[in-house]
């Protein structure tokens, strides 16, 4: 029998993550549907080193032309 390490993990919906900050986050853009969800998800992590993107769909992000 072989052993392998397990790490406790959990998932959270983007709207439930508002107001928290984490050291690491894995974000899938596959099911993003609301305006601002990408920003909310990306802004939860403290550093770029702790940010992991999977299922990246560039059409889920857009720039608002009215923002300076």
N, C-alpha and C. Protein backbone atom coordinates (compact mmCIF):
# COMPACT_ATOMS: atom_id res chain seq x y z
N UNK A 1 0.84 -1.16 0.00
CA UNK A 1 0.00 0.00 0.00
C UNK A 1 0.90 1.24 0.00
N UNK A 2 0.53 2.21 -0.83
CA UNK A 2 1.26 3.48 -0.88
C UNK A 2 0.45 4.56 -0.19
N UNK A 3 1.17 5.52 0.32
CA UNK A 3 0.52 6.66 0.94
C UNK A 3 0.77 7.89 0.10
N UNK A 4 -0.15 8.81 0.13
CA UNK A 4 0.04 10.09 -0.55
C UNK A 4 -0.58 11.18 0.32
N UNK A 5 0.04 12.35 0.30
CA UNK A 5 -0.46 13.43 1.17
C UNK A 5 -1.78 13.99 0.68
N UNK A 6 -2.64 14.28 1.60
CA UNK A 6 -3.92 14.94 1.31
C UNK A 6 -3.90 16.31 1.98
N UNK A 7 -4.54 17.23 1.34
CA UNK A 7 -4.62 18.57 1.89
C UNK A 7 -6.08 19.00 1.94
N UNK A 8 -6.50 19.44 3.09
CA UNK A 8 -7.87 19.90 3.25
C UNK A 8 -8.10 21.13 2.37
N UNK A 9 -9.15 21.11 1.63
CA UNK A 9 -9.46 22.26 0.78
C UNK A 9 -10.97 22.42 0.71
N UNK A 10 -11.39 23.56 0.16
CA UNK A 10 -12.81 23.84 0.05
C UNK A 10 -13.04 24.83 -1.06
N UNK A 11 -14.26 24.97 -1.44
CA UNK A 11 -14.62 25.90 -2.51
C UNK A 11 -15.63 26.91 -1.97
N UNK A 12 -15.67 28.05 -2.64
CA UNK A 12 -16.59 29.10 -2.22
C UNK A 12 -17.07 29.82 -3.47
N UNK A 13 -18.33 30.15 -3.51
CA UNK A 13 -18.86 30.93 -4.63
C UNK A 13 -18.27 32.34 -4.56
N UNK A 14 -18.13 32.96 -5.71
CA UNK A 14 -17.52 34.29 -5.77
C UNK A 14 -18.29 35.29 -4.92
N UNK A 15 -19.61 35.28 -5.01
CA UNK A 15 -20.38 36.26 -4.23
C UNK A 15 -20.23 36.04 -2.73
N UNK A 16 -19.96 34.82 -2.30
CA UNK A 16 -19.73 34.54 -0.88
C UNK A 16 -18.34 34.97 -0.43
N UNK A 17 -17.41 35.13 -1.39
CA UNK A 17 -16.03 35.49 -1.08
C UNK A 17 -15.83 36.99 -0.90
N UNK A 18 -16.83 37.77 -1.18
CA UNK A 18 -16.69 39.23 -1.04
C UNK A 18 -16.32 39.57 0.40
N UNK A 19 -15.30 40.41 0.53
CA UNK A 19 -14.90 40.87 1.85
C UNK A 19 -13.82 40.04 2.52
N UNK A 20 -13.42 38.91 1.92
CA UNK A 20 -12.35 38.12 2.51
C UNK A 20 -11.07 38.29 1.69
N UNK A 21 -9.94 37.98 2.30
CA UNK A 21 -8.66 37.99 1.61
C UNK A 21 -7.99 36.65 1.90
N UNK A 22 -7.39 36.05 0.88
CA UNK A 22 -6.77 34.73 1.04
C UNK A 22 -5.34 34.76 0.50
N UNK A 23 -4.55 33.79 0.93
CA UNK A 23 -3.17 33.68 0.46
C UNK A 23 -3.09 33.05 -0.92
N UNK A 24 -3.96 32.09 -1.18
CA UNK A 24 -3.98 31.42 -2.48
C UNK A 24 -5.42 31.24 -2.94
N UNK A 25 -5.59 31.32 -4.26
CA UNK A 25 -6.92 31.11 -4.81
C UNK A 25 -6.78 30.49 -6.20
N UNK A 26 -7.66 29.55 -6.49
CA UNK A 26 -7.76 28.96 -7.82
C UNK A 26 -9.09 29.43 -8.39
N UNK A 27 -9.03 30.09 -9.54
CA UNK A 27 -10.24 30.68 -10.12
C UNK A 27 -10.51 30.04 -11.47
N UNK A 28 -11.73 29.57 -11.65
CA UNK A 28 -12.20 29.08 -12.94
C UNK A 28 -13.18 30.11 -13.48
N UNK A 29 -12.93 30.59 -14.68
CA UNK A 29 -13.83 31.59 -15.28
C UNK A 29 -14.94 30.93 -16.09
N UNK A 30 -14.96 29.63 -16.13
CA UNK A 30 -15.91 28.90 -16.98
C UNK A 30 -17.37 29.27 -16.70
N UNK A 31 -17.72 29.40 -15.45
CA UNK A 31 -19.13 29.64 -15.10
C UNK A 31 -19.41 31.06 -14.61
N UNK A 32 -18.51 31.99 -14.86
CA UNK A 32 -18.77 33.38 -14.47
C UNK A 32 -19.86 33.95 -15.36
N UNK A 33 -20.83 34.60 -14.75
CA UNK A 33 -21.94 35.12 -15.56
C UNK A 33 -22.30 36.56 -15.24
N UNK A 34 -21.91 37.07 -14.09
CA UNK A 34 -22.30 38.41 -13.70
C UNK A 34 -21.21 39.44 -13.91
N UNK A 35 -21.63 40.67 -14.19
CA UNK A 35 -20.69 41.77 -14.31
C UNK A 35 -19.97 41.96 -12.99
N UNK A 36 -18.66 42.06 -13.04
CA UNK A 36 -17.87 42.28 -11.83
C UNK A 36 -17.40 41.03 -11.12
N UNK A 37 -17.87 39.86 -11.55
CA UNK A 37 -17.45 38.63 -10.88
C UNK A 37 -15.95 38.39 -11.03
N UNK A 38 -15.40 38.70 -12.19
CA UNK A 38 -13.97 38.52 -12.40
C UNK A 38 -13.15 39.38 -11.47
N UNK A 39 -13.53 40.64 -11.35
CA UNK A 39 -12.81 41.55 -10.44
C UNK A 39 -12.91 41.07 -9.01
N UNK A 40 -14.09 40.68 -8.58
CA UNK A 40 -14.28 40.21 -7.21
C UNK A 40 -13.41 39.00 -6.94
N UNK A 41 -13.38 38.06 -7.86
CA UNK A 41 -12.58 36.85 -7.68
C UNK A 41 -11.09 37.17 -7.65
N UNK A 42 -10.62 37.97 -8.60
CA UNK A 42 -9.19 38.28 -8.69
C UNK A 42 -8.71 39.12 -7.51
N UNK A 43 -9.56 39.93 -6.95
CA UNK A 43 -9.13 40.83 -5.88
C UNK A 43 -9.15 40.18 -4.50
N UNK A 44 -9.44 38.91 -4.39
CA UNK A 44 -9.46 38.22 -3.10
C UNK A 44 -8.06 37.79 -2.66
N UNK A 45 -7.13 37.62 -3.59
CA UNK A 45 -5.81 37.06 -3.28
C UNK A 45 -4.80 38.17 -2.98
N UNK A 46 -3.89 37.90 -2.05
CA UNK A 46 -2.92 38.91 -1.61
C UNK A 46 -1.82 39.19 -2.62
N UNK A 47 -1.34 38.15 -3.32
CA UNK A 47 -0.21 38.31 -4.25
C UNK A 47 -0.49 37.58 -5.55
N UNK A 48 0.22 37.98 -6.60
CA UNK A 48 0.09 37.28 -7.88
C UNK A 48 0.59 35.84 -7.79
N UNK A 49 1.56 35.60 -6.91
CA UNK A 49 2.08 34.24 -6.74
C UNK A 49 1.02 33.29 -6.19
N UNK A 50 0.03 33.83 -5.51
CA UNK A 50 -1.03 33.01 -4.95
C UNK A 50 -2.24 32.88 -5.85
N UNK A 51 -2.15 33.41 -7.07
CA UNK A 51 -3.27 33.39 -8.01
C UNK A 51 -3.08 32.30 -9.05
N UNK A 52 -4.06 31.42 -9.18
CA UNK A 52 -4.03 30.36 -10.17
C UNK A 52 -5.33 30.41 -10.97
N UNK A 53 -5.20 30.53 -12.29
CA UNK A 53 -6.37 30.59 -13.18
C UNK A 53 -6.49 29.30 -13.96
N UNK A 54 -7.69 28.73 -13.98
CA UNK A 54 -7.97 27.55 -14.80
C UNK A 54 -9.21 27.84 -15.63
N UNK A 55 -9.38 27.11 -16.69
CA UNK A 55 -10.54 27.32 -17.58
C UNK A 55 -10.70 28.79 -17.94
N UNK A 56 -9.60 29.43 -18.30
CA UNK A 56 -9.63 30.87 -18.58
C UNK A 56 -10.36 31.14 -19.89
N UNK A 57 -11.39 31.94 -19.82
CA UNK A 57 -12.16 32.36 -20.98
C UNK A 57 -12.05 33.88 -21.07
N UNK A 58 -11.18 34.40 -21.96
CA UNK A 58 -10.95 35.85 -22.04
C UNK A 58 -12.22 36.66 -22.28
N UNK A 59 -13.23 36.07 -22.91
CA UNK A 59 -14.46 36.81 -23.17
C UNK A 59 -15.27 37.07 -21.89
N UNK A 60 -14.83 36.54 -20.77
CA UNK A 60 -15.51 36.79 -19.49
C UNK A 60 -15.03 38.08 -18.84
N UNK A 61 -13.96 38.70 -19.39
CA UNK A 61 -13.41 39.94 -18.86
C UNK A 61 -13.51 41.02 -19.91
N UNK A 62 -13.83 42.21 -19.50
CA UNK A 62 -13.86 43.33 -20.43
C UNK A 62 -13.48 44.60 -19.67
N UNK A 63 -13.05 45.58 -20.41
CA UNK A 63 -12.69 46.87 -19.82
C UNK A 63 -13.83 47.85 -20.06
N UNK A 64 -14.15 48.60 -19.06
CA UNK A 64 -15.15 49.64 -19.19
C UNK A 64 -14.47 50.86 -19.81
N UNK A 65 -14.93 51.29 -20.94
CA UNK A 65 -14.33 52.41 -21.66
C UNK A 65 -14.44 53.73 -20.90
N UNK A 66 -15.36 53.82 -19.94
CA UNK A 66 -15.58 55.06 -19.19
C UNK A 66 -14.66 55.23 -17.99
N UNK A 67 -13.87 54.21 -17.68
CA UNK A 67 -12.98 54.27 -16.52
C UNK A 67 -11.63 54.83 -16.94
N UNK A 68 -11.11 55.77 -16.16
CA UNK A 68 -9.80 56.37 -16.46
C UNK A 68 -8.68 55.46 -16.02
